[in-house]
Amino acid sequence: MIRLHNIKGLMVCILLVAFMVALNTGCSWRGHVNDAMKAKDDAVAAADKAEAAAQKAADAAQKIETSAATLKETADKAEAAASGAEDAANRAETAAEKAEAIFSKLGRK
């Protein structure tokens, strides 16, 4: 026959088992939380690295843009110099034609 003393002992055992299960569940839950925190930290570190890489890319793009502007400025100066040289050549040709016309008039007289 089941006695009151046996029922109390059984209840203590059940409570002890329930406590141990709760303790183990809590420990494993904390482990998952720790894993999640580590994953979050890893994600933040990866985001920081990505931001640094984006900043480096922006700096490189700025340098390229500056170089392109310098090259365009140099090309514009070279074009202006070529235009000036062409104008000088045209003036020299005109002067040569005038000189030839003068010599030709002098030679006729």
PDB file of N, CA and C in Angstrom:
ATOM      1  N   MET A   1       0.827  -1.157   0.000  1.00  0.00           N
ATOM      2  CA  MET A   1       0.000   0.000   0.000  1.00  0.00           C
ATOM      3  C   MET A   1       0.892   1.249   0.000  1.00  0.00           C
ATOM      4  N   ILE A   2       0.463   2.272  -0.714  1.00  0.00           N
ATOM      5  CA  ILE A   2       1.226   3.510  -0.798  1.00  0.00           C
ATOM      6  C   ILE A   2       0.958   4.323   0.453  1.00  0.00           C
ATOM      7  N   ARG A   3       2.017   4.707   1.061  1.00  0.00           N
ATOM      8  CA  ARG A   3       1.873   5.487   2.287  1.00  0.00           C
ATOM      9  C   ARG A   3       2.188   6.953   1.996  1.00  0.00           C
ATOM     10  N   LEU A   4       1.815   7.801   2.900  1.00  0.00           N
ATOM     11  CA  LEU A   4       2.042   9.241   2.779  1.00  0.00           C
ATOM     12  C   LEU A   4       3.536   9.539   2.693  1.00  0.00           C
ATOM     13  N   HIS A   5       4.329   8.814   3.409  1.00  0.00           N
ATOM     14  CA  HIS A   5       5.772   9.004   3.402  1.00  0.00           C
ATOM     15  C   HIS A   5       6.334   8.711   2.009  1.00  0.00           C
ATOM     16  N   ASN A   6       5.857   7.684   1.363  1.00  0.00           N
ATOM     17  CA  ASN A   6       6.313   7.338   0.013  1.00  0.00           C
ATOM     18  C   ASN A   6       5.893   8.404  -0.998  1.00  0.00           C
ATOM     19  N   ILE A   7       4.690   8.939  -0.829  1.00  0.00           N
ATOM     20  CA  ILE A   7       4.206   9.985  -1.745  1.00  0.00           C
ATOM     21  C   ILE A   7       5.062  11.239  -1.598  1.00  0.00           C
ATOM     22  N   LYS A   8       5.419  11.597  -0.372  1.00  0.00           N
ATOM     23  CA  LYS A   8       6.286  12.762  -0.159  1.00  0.00           C
ATOM     24  C   LYS A   8       7.650  12.534  -0.803  1.00  0.00           C
ATOM     25  N   GLY A   9       8.199  11.361  -0.655  1.00  0.00           N
ATOM     26  CA  GLY A   9       9.490  11.040  -1.269  1.00  0.00           C
ATOM     27  C   GLY A   9       9.421  11.110  -2.788  1.00  0.00           C
ATOM     28  N   LEU A  10       8.325  10.584  -3.358  1.00  0.00           N
ATOM     29  CA  LEU A  10       8.132  10.634  -4.805  1.00  0.00           C
ATOM     30  C   LEU A  10       8.016  12.079  -5.279  1.00  0.00           C
ATOM     31  N   MET A  11       7.308  12.920  -4.533  1.00  0.00           N
ATOM     32  CA  MET A  11       7.168  14.328  -4.901  1.00  0.00           C
ATOM     33  C   MET A  11       8.514  15.043  -4.840  1.00  0.00           C
ATOM     34  N   VAL A  12       9.326  14.723  -3.850  1.00  0.00           N
ATOM     35  CA  VAL A  12      10.661  15.321  -3.747  1.00  0.00           C
ATOM     36  C   VAL A  12      11.510  14.908  -4.940  1.00  0.00           C
ATOM     37  N   CYS A  13      11.435  13.633  -5.315  1.00  0.00           N
ATOM     38  CA  CYS A  13      12.201  13.151  -6.479  1.00  0.00           C
ATOM     39  C   CYS A  13      11.746  13.845  -7.754  1.00  0.00           C
ATOM     40  N   ILE A  14      10.424  13.995  -7.917  1.00  0.00           N
ATOM     41  CA  ILE A  14       9.895  14.662  -9.111  1.00  0.00           C
ATOM     42  C   ILE A  14      10.347  16.117  -9.142  1.00  0.00           C
ATOM     43  N   LEU A  15      10.287  16.794  -8.009  1.00  0.00           N
ATOM     44  CA  LEU A  15      10.743  18.183  -7.950  1.00  0.00           C
ATOM     45  C   LEU A  15      12.238  18.289  -8.241  1.00  0.00           C
ATOM     46  N   LEU A  16      13.011  17.345  -7.730  1.00  0.00           N
ATOM     47  CA  LEU A  16      14.448  17.337  -7.984  1.00  0.00           C
ATOM     48  C   LEU A  16      14.736  17.136  -9.464  1.00  0.00           C
ATOM     49  N   VAL A  17      14.044  16.196 -10.091  1.00  0.00           N
ATOM     50  CA  VAL A  17      14.223  15.964 -11.537  1.00  0.00           C
ATOM     51  C   VAL A  17      13.795  17.197 -12.325  1.00  0.00           C
ATOM     52  N   ALA A  18      12.671  17.804 -11.948  1.00  0.00           N
ATOM     53  CA  ALA A  18      12.201  19.007 -12.643  1.00  0.00           C
ATOM     54  C   ALA A  18      13.217  20.138 -12.498  1.00  0.00           C
ATOM     55  N   PHE A  19      13.789  20.284 -11.311  1.00  0.00           N
ATOM     56  CA  PHE A  19      14.797  21.315 -11.092  1.00  0.00           C
ATOM     57  C   PHE A  19      16.032  21.070 -11.959  1.00  0.00           C
ATOM     58  N   MET A  20      16.477  19.822 -12.040  1.00  0.00           N
ATOM     59  CA  MET A  20      17.656  19.497 -12.847  1.00  0.00           C
ATOM     60  C   MET A  20      17.384  19.735 -14.333  1.00  0.00           C
ATOM     61  N   VAL A  21      16.184  19.372 -14.778  1.00  0.00           N
ATOM     62  CA  VAL A  21      15.826  19.621 -16.188  1.00  0.00           C
ATOM     63  C   VAL A  21      15.805  21.122 -16.465  1.00  0.00           C
ATOM     64  N   ALA A  22      15.209  21.888 -15.556  1.00  0.00           N
ATOM     65  CA  ALA A  22      15.160  23.340 -15.732  1.00  0.00           C
ATOM     66  C   ALA A  22      16.564  23.933 -15.737  1.00  0.00           C
ATOM     67  N   LEU A  23      17.428  23.435 -14.872  1.00  0.00           N
ATOM     68  CA  LEU A  23      18.798  23.927 -14.811  1.00  0.00           C
ATOM     69  C   LEU A  23      19.538  23.631 -16.106  1.00  0.00           C
ATOM     70  N   ASN A  24      19.409  22.419 -16.605  1.00  0.00           N
ATOM     71  CA  ASN A  24      20.071  22.055 -17.866  1.00  0.00           C
ATOM     72  C   ASN A  24      19.511  22.846 -19.040  1.00  0.00           C
ATOM     73  N   THR A  25      18.208  23.046 -19.057  1.00  0.00           N
ATOM     74  CA  THR A  25      17.597  23.831 -20.130  1.00  0.00           C
ATOM     75  C   THR A  25      18.100  25.262 -20.076  1.00  0.00           C
ATOM     76  N   GLY A  26      18.205  25.811 -18.896  1.00  0.00           N
ATOM     77  CA  GLY A  26      18.721  27.168 -18.746  1.00  0.00           C
ATOM     78  C   GLY A  26      20.155  27.281 -19.200  1.00  0.00           C
ATOM     79  N   CYS A  27      20.973  26.304 -18.887  1.00  0.00           N
ATOM     80  CA  CYS A  27      22.377  26.321 -19.305  1.00  0.00           C
ATOM     81  C   CYS A  27      22.476  26.260 -20.818  1.00  0.00           C
ATOM     82  N   SER A  28      21.684  25.383 -21.422  1.00  0.00           N
ATOM     83  CA  SER A  28      21.767  25.283 -22.872  1.00  0.00           C
ATOM     84  C   SER A  28      21.196  26.542 -23.509  1.00  0.00           C
ATOM     85  N   TRP A  29      20.189  27.152 -22.876  1.00  0.00           N
ATOM     86  CA  TRP A  29      19.638  28.393 -23.397  1.00  0.00           C
ATOM     87  C   TRP A  29      20.692  29.494 -23.344  1.00  0.00           C
ATOM     88  N   ARG A  30      21.436  29.541 -22.219  1.00  0.00           N
ATOM     89  CA  ARG A  30      22.512  30.521 -22.116  1.00  0.00           C
ATOM     90  C   ARG A  30      23.570  30.279 -23.183  1.00  0.00           C
ATOM     91  N   GLY A  31      23.818  29.012 -23.494  1.00  0.00           N
ATOM     92  CA  GLY A  31      24.776  28.703 -24.554  1.00  0.00           C
ATOM     93  C   GLY A  31      24.315  29.243 -25.897  1.00  0.00           C
ATOM     94  N   HIS A  32      23.014  29.112 -26.168  1.00  0.00           N
ATOM     95  CA  HIS A  32      22.476  29.652 -27.421  1.00  0.00           C
ATOM     96  C   HIS A  32      22.549  31.173 -27.431  1.00  0.00           C
ATOM     97  N   VAL A  33      22.284  31.767 -26.285  1.00  0.00           N
ATOM     98  CA  VAL A  33      22.375  33.224 -26.195  1.00  0.00           C
ATOM     99  C   VAL A  33      23.815  33.665 -26.430  1.00  0.00           C
ATOM    100  N   ASN A  34      24.769  32.939 -25.837  1.00  0.00           N
ATOM    101  CA  ASN A  34      26.178  33.276 -26.046  1.00  0.00           C
ATOM    102  C   ASN A  34      26.560  33.118 -27.513  1.00  0.00           C
ATOM    103  N   ASP A  35      26.059  32.056 -28.152  1.00  0.00           N
ATOM    104  CA  ASP A  35      26.329  31.868 -29.581  1.00  0.00           C
ATOM    105  C   ASP A  35      25.737  33.012 -30.395  1.00  0.00           C
ATOM    106  N   ALA A  36      24.538  33.428 -30.028  1.00  0.00           N
ATOM    107  CA  ALA A  36      23.897  34.538 -30.739  1.00  0.00           C
ATOM    108  C   ALA A  36      24.676  35.834 -30.538  1.00  0.00           C
ATOM    109  N   MET A  37      25.160  36.069 -29.338  1.00  0.00           N
ATOM    110  CA  MET A  37      25.952  37.274 -29.072  1.00  0.00           C
ATOM    111  C   MET A  37      27.254  37.252 -29.864  1.00  0.00           C
ATOM    112  N   LYS A  38      27.884  36.069 -29.944  1.00  0.00           N
ATOM    113  CA  LYS A  38      29.115  35.949 -30.727  1.00  0.00           C
ATOM    114  C   LYS A  38      28.824  36.198 -32.203  1.00  0.00           C
ATOM    115  N   ALA A  39      27.708  35.654 -32.695  1.00  0.00           N
ATOM    116  CA  ALA A  39      27.334  35.872 -34.093  1.00  0.00           C
ATOM    117  C   ALA A  39      27.069  37.352 -34.360  1.00  0.00           C
ATOM    118  N   LYS A  40      26.426  38.020 -33.389  1.00  0.00           N
ATOM    119  CA  LYS A  40      26.171  39.459 -33.533  1.00  0.00           C
ATOM    120  C   LYS A  40      27.488  40.227 -33.572  1.00  0.00           C
ATOM    121  N   ASP A  41      28.417  39.868 -32.685  1.00  0.00           N
ATOM    122  CA  ASP A  41      29.721  40.531 -32.671  1.00  0.00           C
ATOM    123  C   ASP A  41      30.463  40.303 -33.980  1.00  0.00           C
ATOM    124  N   ASP A  42      30.383  39.079 -34.503  1.00  0.00           N
ATOM    125  CA  ASP A  42      31.019  38.783 -35.787  1.00  0.00           C
ATOM    126  C   ASP A  42      30.388  39.605 -36.906  1.00  0.00           C
ATOM    127  N   ALA A  43      29.066  39.742 -36.875  1.00  0.00           N
ATOM    128  CA  ALA A  43      28.378  40.531 -37.898  1.00  0.00           C
ATOM    129  C   ALA A  43      28.768  42.003 -37.812  1.00  0.00           C
ATOM    130  N   VAL A  44      28.894  42.516 -36.594  1.00  0.00           N
ATOM    131  CA  VAL A  44      29.308  43.911 -36.416  1.00  0.00           C
ATOM    132  C   VAL A  44      30.738  44.102 -36.927  1.00  0.00           C
ATOM    133  N   ALA A  45      31.613  43.152 -36.638  1.00  0.00           N
ATOM    134  CA  ALA A  45      32.996  43.242 -37.123  1.00  0.00           C
ATOM    135  C   ALA A  45      33.028  43.199 -38.649  1.00  0.00           C
ATOM    136  N   ALA A  46      32.219  42.327 -39.243  1.00  0.00           N
ATOM    137  CA  ALA A  46      32.167  42.248 -40.707  1.00  0.00           C
ATOM    138  C   ALA A  46      31.626  43.547 -41.302  1.00  0.00           C
ATOM    139  N   ALA A  47      30.628  44.135 -40.653  1.00  0.00           N
ATOM    140  CA  ALA A  47      30.085  45.412 -41.131  1.00  0.00           C
ATOM    141  C   ALA A  47      31.133  46.517 -41.035  1.00  0.00           C
ATOM    142  N   ASP A  48      31.917  46.513 -39.967  1.00  0.00           N
ATOM    143  CA  ASP A  48      32.991  47.500 -39.827  1.00  0.00           C
ATOM    144  C   ASP A  48      34.030  47.335 -40.925  1.00  0.00           C
ATOM    145  N   LYS A  49      34.385  46.077 -41.216  1.00  0.00           N
ATOM    146  CA  LYS A  49      35.349  45.823 -42.290  1.00  0.00           C
ATOM    147  C   LYS A  49      34.791  46.268 -43.635  1.00  0.00           C
ATOM    148  N   ALA A  50      33.511  46.005 -43.870  1.00  0.00           N
ATOM    149  CA  ALA A  50      32.884  46.421 -45.125  1.00  0.00           C
ATOM    150  C   ALA A  50      32.858  47.943 -45.241  1.00  0.00           C
ATOM    151  N   GLU A  51      32.590  48.610 -44.126  1.00  0.00           N
ATOM    152  CA  GLU A  51      32.580  50.074 -44.133  1.00  0.00           C
ATOM    153  C   GLU A  51      33.976  50.623 -44.425  1.00  0.00           C
ATOM    154  N   ALA A  52      34.995  50.007 -43.833  1.00  0.00           N
ATOM    155  CA  ALA A  52      36.375  50.440 -44.093  1.00  0.00           C
ATOM    156  C   ALA A  52      36.735  50.223 -45.558  1.00  0.00           C
ATOM    157  N   ALA A  53      36.312  49.086 -46.116  1.00  0.00           N
ATOM    158  CA  ALA A  53      36.586  48.814 -47.529  1.00  0.00           C
ATOM    159  C   ALA A  53      35.860  49.814 -48.425  1.00  0.00           C
ATOM    160  N   ALA A  54      34.637  50.163 -48.072  1.00  0.00           N
ATOM    161  CA  ALA A  54      33.886  51.151 -48.850  1.00  0.00           C
ATOM    162  C   ALA A  54      34.564  52.516 -48.785  1.00  0.00           C
ATOM    163  N   GLN A  55      35.095  52.868 -47.624  1.00  0.00           N
ATOM    164  CA  GLN A  55      35.801  54.143 -47.485  1.00  0.00           C
ATOM    165  C   GLN A  55      37.064  54.154 -48.337  1.00  0.00           C
ATOM    166  N   LYS A  56      37.793  53.026 -48.347  1.00  0.00           N
ATOM    167  CA  LYS A  56      38.991  52.941 -49.189  1.00  0.00           C
ATOM    168  C   LYS A  56      38.621  53.068 -50.661  1.00  0.00           C
ATOM    169  N   ALA A  57      37.521  52.434 -51.057  1.00  0.00           N
ATOM    170  CA  ALA A  57      37.071  52.528 -52.447  1.00  0.00           C
ATOM    171  C   ALA A  57      36.683  53.962 -52.796  1.00  0.00           C
ATOM    172  N   ALA A  58      36.028  54.653 -51.871  1.00  0.00           N
ATOM    173  CA  ALA A  58      35.654  56.052 -52.103  1.00  0.00           C
ATOM    174  C   ALA A  58      36.895  56.928 -52.221  1.00  0.00           C
ATOM    175  N   ASP A  59      37.898  56.672 -51.383  1.00  0.00           N
ATOM    176  CA  ASP A  59      39.153  57.424 -51.470  1.00  0.00           C
ATOM    177  C   ASP A  59      39.844  57.182 -52.806  1.00  0.00           C
ATOM    178  N   ALA A  60      39.862  55.916 -53.238  1.00  0.00           N
ATOM    179  CA  ALA A  60      40.477  55.587 -54.525  1.00  0.00           C
ATOM    180  C   ALA A  60      39.727  56.261 -55.668  1.00  0.00           C
ATOM    181  N   ALA A  61      38.402  56.273 -55.598  1.00  0.00           N
ATOM    182  CA  ALA A  61      37.607  56.934 -56.634  1.00  0.00           C
ATOM    183  C   ALA A  61      37.894  58.431 -56.664  1.00  0.00           C
ATOM    184  N   GLN A  62      38.067  59.029 -55.491  1.00  0.00           N
ATOM    185  CA  GLN A  62      38.389  60.457 -55.423  1.00  0.00           C
ATOM    186  C   GLN A  62      39.748  60.728 -56.063  1.00  0.00           C
ATOM    187  N   LYS A  63      40.730  59.856 -55.784  1.00  0.00           N
ATOM    188  CA  LYS A  63      42.056  60.026 -56.386  1.00  0.00           C
ATOM    189  C   LYS A  63      41.983  59.883 -57.899  1.00  0.00           C
ATOM    190  N   ILE A  64      41.198  58.909 -58.368  1.00  0.00           N
ATOM    191  CA  ILE A  64      41.048  58.715 -59.816  1.00  0.00           C
ATOM    192  C   ILE A  64      40.385  59.936 -60.440  1.00  0.00           C
ATOM    193  N   GLU A  65      39.370  60.465 -59.770  1.00  0.00           N
ATOM    194  CA  GLU A  65      38.683  61.652 -60.284  1.00  0.00           C
ATOM    195  C   GLU A  65      39.636  62.843 -60.351  1.00  0.00           C
ATOM    196  N   THR A  66      40.462  63.000 -59.325  1.00  0.00           N
ATOM    197  CA  THR A  66      41.441  64.082 -59.316  1.00  0.00           C
ATOM    198  C   THR A  66      42.445  63.910 -60.445  1.00  0.00           C
ATOM    199  N   SER A  67      42.913  62.673 -60.646  1.00  0.00           N
ATOM    200  CA  SER A  67      43.854  62.396 -61.730  1.00  0.00           C
ATOM    201  C   SER A  67      43.216  62.670 -63.084  1.00  0.00           C
ATOM    202  N   ALA A  68      41.954  62.285 -63.233  1.00  0.00           N
ATOM    203  CA  ALA A  68      41.253  62.527 -64.497  1.00  0.00           C
ATOM    204  C   ALA A  68      41.115  64.024 -64.756  1.00  0.00           C
ATOM    205  N   ALA A  69      40.825  64.795 -63.710  1.00  0.00           N
ATOM    206  CA  ALA A  69      40.711  66.245 -63.871  1.00  0.00           C
ATOM    207  C   ALA A  69      42.056  66.844 -64.267  1.00  0.00           C
ATOM    208  N   THR A  70      43.127  66.350 -63.669  1.00  0.00           N
ATOM    209  CA  THR A  70      44.464  66.835 -64.012  1.00  0.00           C
ATOM    210  C   THR A  70      44.802  66.495 -65.459  1.00  0.00           C
ATOM    211  N   LEU A  71      44.480  65.260 -65.869  1.00  0.00           N
ATOM    212  CA  LEU A  71      44.735  64.859 -67.257  1.00  0.00           C
ATOM    213  C   LEU A  71      43.918  65.697 -68.231  1.00  0.00           C
ATOM    214  N   LYS A  72      42.674  65.996 -67.896  1.00  0.00           N
ATOM    215  CA  LYS A  72      41.834  66.821 -68.771  1.00  0.00           C
ATOM    216  C   LYS A  72      42.413  68.220 -68.876  1.00  0.00           C
ATOM    217  N   GLU A  73      42.863  68.752 -67.751  1.00  0.00           N
ATOM    218  CA  GLU A  73      43.460  70.085 -67.754  1.00  0.00           C
ATOM    219  C   GLU A  73      44.716  70.105 -68.626  1.00  0.00           C
ATOM    220  N   THR A  74      45.538  69.063 -68.504  1.00  0.00           N
ATOM    221  CA  THR A  74      46.750  68.962 -69.320  1.00  0.00           C
ATOM    222  C   THR A  74      46.394  68.844 -70.796  1.00  0.00           C
ATOM    223  N   ALA A  75      45.377  68.043 -71.102  1.00  0.00           N
ATOM    224  CA  ALA A  75      44.949  67.889 -72.494  1.00  0.00           C
ATOM    225  C   ALA A  75      44.415  69.208 -73.045  1.00  0.00           C
ATOM    226  N   ASP A  76      43.677  69.956 -72.233  1.00  0.00           N
ATOM    227  CA  ASP A  76      43.167  71.258 -72.670  1.00  0.00           C
ATOM    228  C   ASP A  76      44.321  72.219 -72.958  1.00  0.00           C
ATOM    229  N   LYS A  77      45.346  72.202 -72.094  1.00  0.00           N
ATOM    230  CA  LYS A  77      46.514  73.065 -72.320  1.00  0.00           C
ATOM    231  C   LYS A  77      47.251  72.656 -73.588  1.00  0.00           C
ATOM    232  N   ALA A  78      47.388  71.347 -73.814  1.00  0.00           N
ATOM    233  CA  ALA A  78      48.058  70.867 -75.026  1.00  0.00           C
ATOM    234  C   ALA A  78      47.259  71.261 -76.263  1.00  0.00           C
ATOM    235  N   GLU A  79      45.935  71.174 -76.169  1.00  0.00           N
ATOM    236  CA  GLU A  79      45.085  71.563 -77.297  1.00  0.00           C
ATOM    237  C   GLU A  79      45.222  73.057 -77.583  1.00  0.00           C
ATOM    238  N   ALA A  80      45.265  73.859 -76.518  1.00  0.00           N
ATOM    239  CA  ALA A  80      45.436  75.303 -76.689  1.00  0.00           C
ATOM    240  C   ALA A  80      46.796  75.610 -77.309  1.00  0.00           C
ATOM    241  N   ALA A  81      47.833  74.890 -76.882  1.00  0.00           N
ATOM    242  CA  ALA A  81      49.166  75.097 -77.453  1.00  0.00           C
ATOM    243  C   ALA A  81      49.186  74.693 -78.922  1.00  0.00           C
ATOM    244  N   ALA A  82      48.528  73.592 -79.258  1.00  0.00           N
ATOM    245  CA  ALA A  82      48.472  73.154 -80.654  1.00  0.00           C
ATOM    246  C   ALA A  82      47.715  74.169 -81.501  1.00  0.00           C
ATOM    247  N   SER A  83      46.635  74.713 -80.948  1.00  0.00           N
ATOM    248  CA  SER A  83      45.868  75.730 -81.666  1.00  0.00           C
ATOM    249  C   SER A  83      46.717  76.980 -81.889  1.00  0.00           C
ATOM    250  N   GLY A  84      47.480  77.377 -80.858  1.00  0.00           N
ATOM    251  CA  GLY A  84      48.376  78.524 -80.991  1.00  0.00           C
ATOM    252  C   GLY A  84      49.453  78.269 -82.032  1.00  0.00           C
ATOM    253  N   ALA A  85      49.982  77.052 -82.051  1.00  0.00           N
ATOM    254  CA  ALA A  85      51.006  76.712 -83.041  1.00  0.00           C
ATOM    255  C   ALA A  85      50.410  76.732 -84.446  1.00  0.00           C
ATOM    256  N   GLU A  86      49.175  76.264 -84.578  1.00  0.00           N
ATOM    257  CA  GLU A  86      48.515  76.273 -85.888  1.00  0.00           C
ATOM    258  C   GLU A  86      48.284  77.711 -86.356  1.00  0.00           C
ATOM    259  N   ASP A  87      47.863  78.581 -85.431  1.00  0.00           N
ATOM    260  CA  ASP A  87      47.667  79.994 -85.768  1.00  0.00           C
ATOM    261  C   ASP A  87      48.986  80.633 -86.197  1.00  0.00           C
ATOM    262  N   ALA A  88      50.064  80.314 -85.472  1.00  0.00           N
ATOM    263  CA  ALA A  88      51.382  80.857 -85.826  1.00  0.00           C
ATOM    264  C   ALA A  88      51.811  80.351 -87.200  1.00  0.00           C
ATOM    265  N   ALA A  89      51.548  79.082 -87.486  1.00  0.00           N
ATOM    266  CA  ALA A  89      51.903  78.530 -88.799  1.00  0.00           C
ATOM    267  C   ALA A  89      51.097  79.211 -89.898  1.00  0.00           C
ATOM    268  N   ASN A  90      49.824  79.470 -89.639  1.00  0.00           N
ATOM    269  CA  ASN A  90      48.993  80.173 -90.631  1.00  0.00           C
ATOM    270  C   ASN A  90      49.502  81.592 -90.869  1.00  0.00           C
ATOM    271  N   ARG A  91      49.900  82.280 -89.783  1.00  0.00           N
ATOM    272  CA  ARG A  91      50.438  83.636 -89.940  1.00  0.00           C
ATOM    273  C   ARG A  91      51.755  83.609 -90.709  1.00  0.00           C
ATOM    274  N   ALA A  92      52.580  82.603 -90.416  1.00  0.00           N
ATOM    275  CA  ALA A  92      53.856  82.488 -91.132  1.00  0.00           C
ATOM    276  C   ALA A  92      53.606  82.214 -92.612  1.00  0.00           C
ATOM    277  N   GLU A  93      52.623  81.387 -92.910  1.00  0.00           N
ATOM    278  CA  GLU A  93      52.304  81.082 -94.307  1.00  0.00           C
ATOM    279  C   GLU A  93      51.792  82.329 -95.019  1.00  0.00           C
ATOM    280  N   THR A  94      50.947  83.090 -94.308  1.00  0.00           N
ATOM    281  CA  THR A  94      50.428  84.333 -94.887  1.00  0.00           C
ATOM    282  C   THR A  94      51.568  85.315 -95.127  1.00  0.00           C
ATOM    283  N   ALA A  95      52.475  85.425 -94.174  1.00  0.00           N
ATOM    284  CA  ALA A  95      53.623  86.321 -94.333  1.00  0.00           C
ATOM    285  C   ALA A  95      54.496  85.870 -95.492  1.00  0.00           C
ATOM    286  N   ALA A  96      54.680  84.559 -95.641  1.00  0.00           N
ATOM    287  CA  ALA A  96      55.490  84.044 -96.745  1.00  0.00           C
ATOM    288  C   ALA A  96      54.820  84.352 -98.082  1.00  0.00           C
ATOM    289  N   GLU A  97      53.505  84.223 -98.140  1.00  0.00           N
ATOM    290  CA  GLU A  97      52.791  84.539 -99.385  1.00  0.00           C
ATOM    291  C   GLU A  97      52.916  86.020 -99.716  1.00  0.00           C
ATOM    292  N   LYS A  98      52.828  86.876 -98.682  1.00  0.00           N
ATOM    293  CA  LYS A  98      52.969  88.315 -98.904  1.00  0.00           C
ATOM    294  C   LYS A  98      54.379  88.645 -99.376  1.00  0.00           C
ATOM    295  N   ALA A  99      55.365  87.989 -98.728  1.00  0.00           N
ATOM    296  CA  ALA A  99      56.756  88.232 -99.138  1.00  0.00           C
ATOM    297  C   ALA A  99      56.972  87.764-100.566  1.00  0.00           C
ATOM    298  N   GLU A 100      56.402  86.636-100.925  1.00  0.00           N
ATOM    299  CA  GLU A 100      56.539  86.122-102.292  1.00  0.00           C
ATOM    300  C   GLU A 100      55.876  87.072-103.278  1.00  0.00           C
ATOM    301  N   ALA A 101      54.719  87.624-102.882  1.00  0.00           N
ATOM    302  CA  ALA A 101      54.035  88.575-103.758  1.00  0.00           C
ATOM    303  C   ALA A 101      54.877  89.832-103.938  1.00  0.00           C
ATOM    304  N   ILE A 102      55.495  90.288-102.838  1.00  0.00           N
ATOM    305  CA  ILE A 102      56.347  91.483-102.927  1.00  0.00           C
ATOM    306  C   ILE A 102      57.544  91.210-103.824  1.00  0.00           C
ATOM    307  N   PHE A 103      58.211  90.056-103.638  1.00  0.00           N
ATOM    308  CA  PHE A 103      59.373  89.725-104.473  1.00  0.00           C
ATOM    309  C   PHE A 103      58.969  89.535-105.925  1.00  0.00           C
ATOM    310  N   SER A 104      57.785  89.017-106.133  1.00  0.00           N
ATOM    311  CA  SER A 104      57.330  88.810-107.502  1.00  0.00           C
ATOM    312  C   SER A 104      57.054  90.155-108.164  1.00  0.00           C
ATOM    313  N   LYS A 105      56.511  91.143-107.394  1.00  0.00           N
ATOM    314  CA  LYS A 105      56.284  92.475-107.950  1.00  0.00           C
ATOM    315  C   LYS A 105      57.614  93.163-108.227  1.00  0.00           C
ATOM    316  N   LEU A 106      58.559  92.982-107.332  1.00  0.00           N
ATOM    317  CA  LEU A 106      59.871  93.591-107.530  1.00  0.00           C
ATOM    318  C   LEU A 106      60.582  92.975-108.723  1.00  0.00           C
ATOM    319  N   GLY A 107      60.381  91.713-108.931  1.00  0.00           N
ATOM    320  CA  GLY A 107      61.033  91.027-110.037  1.00  0.00           C
ATOM    321  C   GLY A 107      60.439  91.439-111.363  1.00  0.00           C
ATOM    322  N   ARG A 108      59.200  91.863-111.428  1.00  0.00           N
ATOM    323  CA  ARG A 108      58.556  92.259-112.675  1.00  0.00           C
ATOM    324  C   ARG A 108      59.006  93.641-113.109  1.00  0.00           C
ATOM    325  N   LYS A 109      59.243  94.476-112.156  1.00  0.00           N
ATOM    326  CA  LYS A 109      59.556  95.853-112.511  1.00  0.00           C
ATOM    327  C   LYS A 109      60.908  95.986-113.047  1.00  0.00           C
TER     328      LYS A 109
END
